[in-house]
Amino acid sequence: MNIVIADNYRLTSDNMQIVIQRKHTVDPTKSPAFKPGMDAKLREEWRDWKYVGNPEQALDLILRQTVFESDAEDLKQLRNEIVAFRREISAQFAG
């Protein structure tokens, strides 16, 4: 399994569980091991974030995290973000 959700999350699996991964941007110049002359290009990588038993739990956790990280300033904005997330998920199921 390798399903990208909302551009910043991905579902993978092993023999026992669903793995939720988050996309991270890595700046090699921030590493204490970086030395001049090394590759300084930014890169994106997926890192394991949470482990769940089924896809529904994964989607619920991703939605909750989206709410926690929201910049909404009122309930209407927050509701709109939640609705947009659910639409995106529904479109992936329909697609």
N, C-alpha and C. Protein backbone atom coordinates (compact mmCIF):
# COMPACT_ATOMS: atom_id res chain seq x y z
N MET A 1 0.85 -1.17 0.00
CA MET A 1 0.00 0.00 0.00
C MET A 1 0.90 1.24 0.00
N ASN A 2 0.50 2.22 -0.77
CA ASN A 2 1.23 3.48 -0.85
C ASN A 2 0.25 4.55 -1.33
N ILE A 3 -0.55 5.10 -0.41
CA ILE A 3 -1.63 6.02 -0.75
C ILE A 3 -1.34 7.39 -0.16
N VAL A 4 -1.19 8.39 -1.02
CA VAL A 4 -0.94 9.76 -0.56
C VAL A 4 -2.27 10.41 -0.22
N ILE A 5 -2.30 11.07 0.94
CA ILE A 5 -3.51 11.75 1.42
C ILE A 5 -3.14 13.18 1.77
N ALA A 6 -3.87 14.11 1.19
CA ALA A 6 -3.71 15.53 1.50
C ALA A 6 -2.26 16.01 1.31
N ASP A 7 -1.56 15.46 0.38
CA ASP A 7 -0.20 15.85 -0.01
C ASP A 7 0.86 15.68 1.07
N ASN A 8 0.49 15.73 2.35
CA ASN A 8 1.49 15.66 3.41
C ASN A 8 1.49 14.35 4.19
N TYR A 9 0.55 13.48 3.87
CA TYR A 9 0.43 12.21 4.57
C TYR A 9 0.38 11.08 3.55
N ARG A 10 0.83 9.92 4.00
CA ARG A 10 0.80 8.74 3.15
C ARG A 10 0.50 7.53 4.01
N LEU A 11 -0.32 6.63 3.48
CA LEU A 11 -0.60 5.38 4.16
C LEU A 11 0.21 4.27 3.51
N THR A 12 0.93 3.54 4.33
CA THR A 12 1.63 2.34 3.89
C THR A 12 1.23 1.24 4.88
N SER A 13 1.76 0.07 4.70
CA SER A 13 1.41 -1.00 5.64
C SER A 13 2.55 -1.99 5.73
N ASP A 14 2.52 -2.74 6.82
CA ASP A 14 3.39 -3.89 6.96
C ASP A 14 2.47 -5.09 7.18
N ASN A 15 2.96 -6.17 7.65
CA ASN A 15 2.12 -7.36 7.82
C ASN A 15 1.09 -7.23 8.94
N MET A 16 1.25 -6.26 9.81
CA MET A 16 0.41 -6.19 11.00
C MET A 16 -0.47 -4.94 11.11
N GLN A 17 -0.10 -3.84 10.43
CA GLN A 17 -0.78 -2.58 10.70
C GLN A 17 -0.66 -1.60 9.54
N ILE A 18 -1.43 -0.53 9.64
CA ILE A 18 -1.34 0.59 8.71
C ILE A 18 -0.34 1.58 9.30
N VAL A 19 0.56 2.07 8.47
CA VAL A 19 1.56 3.05 8.90
C VAL A 19 1.20 4.39 8.26
N ILE A 20 1.04 5.42 9.10
CA ILE A 20 0.82 6.77 8.59
C ILE A 20 2.18 7.45 8.55
N GLN A 21 2.53 7.96 7.39
CA GLN A 21 3.79 8.69 7.24
C GLN A 21 3.49 10.14 6.94
N ARG A 22 4.38 11.02 7.42
CA ARG A 22 4.28 12.45 7.14
C ARG A 22 5.45 12.87 6.27
N LYS A 23 5.19 13.82 5.38
CA LYS A 23 6.23 14.35 4.51
C LYS A 23 6.99 15.44 5.24
N HIS A 24 8.30 15.37 5.19
CA HIS A 24 9.16 16.37 5.83
C HIS A 24 10.14 16.92 4.80
N THR A 25 10.42 18.21 4.91
CA THR A 25 11.45 18.82 4.09
C THR A 25 12.74 18.84 4.92
N VAL A 26 13.79 18.30 4.34
CA VAL A 26 15.07 18.18 5.04
C VAL A 26 16.05 19.18 4.44
N ASP A 27 16.64 19.99 5.29
CA ASP A 27 17.68 20.93 4.88
C ASP A 27 19.01 20.39 5.39
N PRO A 28 19.83 19.80 4.51
CA PRO A 28 21.09 19.20 4.95
C PRO A 28 22.03 20.18 5.64
N THR A 29 21.91 21.48 5.32
CA THR A 29 22.82 22.45 5.92
C THR A 29 22.55 22.65 7.41
N LYS A 30 21.39 22.19 7.90
CA LYS A 30 21.05 22.31 9.32
C LYS A 30 21.63 21.17 10.15
N SER A 31 22.15 20.16 9.49
CA SER A 31 22.70 19.00 10.19
C SER A 31 24.06 19.33 10.79
N PRO A 32 24.34 18.86 12.00
CA PRO A 32 25.67 19.09 12.58
C PRO A 32 26.77 18.37 11.79
N ALA A 33 26.40 17.38 10.99
CA ALA A 33 27.39 16.65 10.20
C ALA A 33 27.67 17.32 8.84
N PHE A 34 26.95 18.41 8.52
CA PHE A 34 27.13 19.07 7.23
C PHE A 34 28.48 19.76 7.17
N LYS A 35 29.16 19.56 6.04
CA LYS A 35 30.44 20.22 5.79
C LYS A 35 30.38 20.90 4.43
N PRO A 36 31.08 22.01 4.26
CA PRO A 36 31.11 22.67 2.95
C PRO A 36 31.52 21.67 1.87
N GLY A 37 30.84 21.78 0.74
CA GLY A 37 31.12 20.88 -0.36
C GLY A 37 30.13 19.72 -0.45
N MET A 38 29.40 19.46 0.64
CA MET A 38 28.38 18.42 0.62
C MET A 38 27.16 18.93 -0.12
N ASP A 39 26.31 18.01 -0.57
CA ASP A 39 25.08 18.38 -1.27
C ASP A 39 24.18 19.17 -0.33
N ALA A 40 23.83 20.40 -0.72
CA ALA A 40 23.04 21.28 0.14
C ALA A 40 21.60 21.41 -0.34
N LYS A 41 21.18 20.59 -1.30
CA LYS A 41 19.82 20.70 -1.82
C LYS A 41 18.80 20.22 -0.80
N LEU A 42 17.69 20.98 -0.71
CA LEU A 42 16.58 20.54 0.12
C LEU A 42 15.99 19.28 -0.50
N ARG A 43 15.52 18.38 0.35
CA ARG A 43 14.88 17.17 -0.16
C ARG A 43 13.67 16.85 0.71
N GLU A 44 12.75 16.12 0.13
CA GLU A 44 11.57 15.69 0.88
C GLU A 44 11.72 14.21 1.18
N GLU A 45 11.29 13.84 2.39
CA GLU A 45 11.31 12.43 2.74
C GLU A 45 10.08 12.12 3.59
N TRP A 46 9.66 10.88 3.53
CA TRP A 46 8.53 10.39 4.31
C TRP A 46 9.05 9.74 5.58
N ARG A 47 8.44 10.10 6.71
CA ARG A 47 8.82 9.51 7.99
C ARG A 47 7.59 8.90 8.65
N ASP A 48 7.79 7.73 9.26
CA ASP A 48 6.70 7.08 9.98
C ASP A 48 6.23 8.01 11.10
N TRP A 49 4.91 8.13 11.24
CA TRP A 49 4.34 9.03 12.24
C TRP A 49 3.48 8.26 13.25
N LYS A 50 2.53 7.49 12.78
CA LYS A 50 1.62 6.74 13.66
C LYS A 50 1.36 5.36 13.05
N TYR A 51 0.90 4.46 13.92
CA TYR A 51 0.55 3.10 13.51
C TYR A 51 -0.87 2.82 13.97
N VAL A 52 -1.71 2.33 13.05
CA VAL A 52 -3.11 2.07 13.38
C VAL A 52 -3.53 0.72 12.79
N GLY A 53 -4.71 0.28 13.20
CA GLY A 53 -5.18 -1.03 12.77
C GLY A 53 -5.97 -1.03 11.48
N ASN A 54 -6.54 0.14 11.10
CA ASN A 54 -7.34 0.16 9.86
C ASN A 54 -7.33 1.55 9.23
N PRO A 55 -7.72 1.64 7.97
CA PRO A 55 -7.68 2.93 7.26
C PRO A 55 -8.58 4.00 7.88
N GLU A 56 -9.72 3.60 8.44
CA GLU A 56 -10.62 4.59 9.06
C GLU A 56 -9.93 5.30 10.22
N GLN A 57 -9.21 4.54 11.04
CA GLN A 57 -8.46 5.15 12.14
C GLN A 57 -7.40 6.11 11.60
N ALA A 58 -6.76 5.71 10.52
CA ALA A 58 -5.73 6.56 9.92
C ALA A 58 -6.31 7.89 9.46
N LEU A 59 -7.44 7.84 8.76
CA LEU A 59 -8.06 9.07 8.28
C LEU A 59 -8.52 9.95 9.43
N ASP A 60 -9.03 9.34 10.50
CA ASP A 60 -9.45 10.10 11.67
C ASP A 60 -8.25 10.81 12.31
N LEU A 61 -7.13 10.12 12.46
CA LEU A 61 -5.94 10.75 13.04
C LEU A 61 -5.42 11.89 12.17
N ILE A 62 -5.42 11.69 10.87
CA ILE A 62 -4.95 12.75 9.96
C ILE A 62 -5.86 13.97 10.06
N LEU A 63 -7.18 13.75 10.10
CA LEU A 63 -8.11 14.87 10.24
C LEU A 63 -7.89 15.59 11.56
N ARG A 64 -7.73 14.84 12.65
CA ARG A 64 -7.47 15.48 13.95
C ARG A 64 -6.20 16.32 13.93
N GLN A 65 -5.14 15.79 13.33
CA GLN A 65 -3.89 16.52 13.27
C GLN A 65 -4.04 17.78 12.43
N THR A 66 -4.81 17.67 11.36
CA THR A 66 -5.08 18.84 10.52
C THR A 66 -5.79 19.92 11.33
N VAL A 67 -6.72 19.53 12.18
CA VAL A 67 -7.41 20.48 13.06
C VAL A 67 -6.43 21.10 14.05
N PHE A 68 -5.57 20.27 14.67
CA PHE A 68 -4.60 20.78 15.64
C PHE A 68 -3.65 21.80 15.01
N GLU A 69 -3.30 21.60 13.75
CA GLU A 69 -2.34 22.47 13.08
C GLU A 69 -3.00 23.61 12.31
N SER A 70 -4.29 23.71 12.41
CA SER A 70 -5.04 24.72 11.66
C SER A 70 -4.69 26.14 12.11
N ASP A 71 -4.75 27.05 11.17
CA ASP A 71 -4.57 28.47 11.45
C ASP A 71 -5.92 29.19 11.51
N ALA A 72 -7.00 28.43 11.58
CA ALA A 72 -8.34 29.03 11.60
C ALA A 72 -8.49 30.00 12.76
N GLU A 73 -9.20 31.08 12.50
CA GLU A 73 -9.40 32.09 13.53
C GLU A 73 -10.83 32.10 14.07
N ASP A 74 -11.70 31.29 13.47
CA ASP A 74 -13.05 31.16 14.01
C ASP A 74 -13.60 29.79 13.61
N LEU A 75 -14.73 29.44 14.19
CA LEU A 75 -15.30 28.12 13.95
C LEU A 75 -15.69 27.89 12.49
N LYS A 76 -16.12 28.95 11.83
CA LYS A 76 -16.52 28.82 10.42
C LYS A 76 -15.31 28.41 9.56
N GLN A 77 -14.18 29.06 9.78
CA GLN A 77 -12.97 28.69 9.03
C GLN A 77 -12.56 27.25 9.33
N LEU A 78 -12.63 26.87 10.59
CA LEU A 78 -12.26 25.51 10.97
C LEU A 78 -13.20 24.50 10.32
N ARG A 79 -14.48 24.79 10.35
CA ARG A 79 -15.46 23.90 9.70
C ARG A 79 -15.16 23.77 8.22
N ASN A 80 -14.82 24.88 7.57
CA ASN A 80 -14.52 24.86 6.14
C ASN A 80 -13.29 23.99 5.85
N GLU A 81 -12.29 24.05 6.72
CA GLU A 81 -11.10 23.20 6.54
C GLU A 81 -11.45 21.72 6.70
N ILE A 82 -12.30 21.42 7.67
CA ILE A 82 -12.72 20.03 7.88
C ILE A 82 -13.52 19.53 6.68
N VAL A 83 -14.44 20.36 6.19
CA VAL A 83 -15.24 19.98 5.02
C VAL A 83 -14.34 19.79 3.81
N ALA A 84 -13.36 20.66 3.62
CA ALA A 84 -12.45 20.53 2.49
C ALA A 84 -11.64 19.24 2.57
N PHE A 85 -11.19 18.88 3.77
CA PHE A 85 -10.46 17.64 3.94
C PHE A 85 -11.34 16.44 3.58
N ARG A 86 -12.55 16.44 4.09
CA ARG A 86 -13.47 15.33 3.80
C ARG A 86 -13.80 15.24 2.32
N ARG A 87 -13.95 16.40 1.66
CA ARG A 87 -14.18 16.39 0.20
C ARG A 87 -13.00 15.78 -0.54
N GLU A 88 -11.80 16.15 -0.13
CA GLU A 88 -10.60 15.61 -0.78
C GLU A 88 -10.55 14.09 -0.63
N ILE A 89 -10.85 13.59 0.55
CA ILE A 89 -10.87 12.15 0.78
C ILE A 89 -11.96 11.50 -0.07
N SER A 90 -13.14 12.09 -0.10
CA SER A 90 -14.23 11.54 -0.90
C SER A 90 -13.87 11.51 -2.39
N ALA A 91 -13.20 12.57 -2.85
CA ALA A 91 -12.80 12.62 -4.27
C ALA A 91 -11.80 11.51 -4.58
N GLN A 92 -10.92 11.18 -3.63
CA GLN A 92 -9.97 10.10 -3.87
C GLN A 92 -10.68 8.76 -3.95
N PHE A 93 -11.73 8.58 -3.14
CA PHE A 93 -12.49 7.34 -3.19
C PHE A 93 -13.26 7.24 -4.50
N ALA A 94 -13.77 8.37 -4.98
CA ALA A 94 -14.58 8.37 -6.21
C ALA A 94 -13.71 8.30 -7.45
N GLY A 95 -12.47 8.83 -7.33
CA GLY A 95 -11.59 8.96 -8.47
C GLY A 95 -11.21 7.69 -9.09
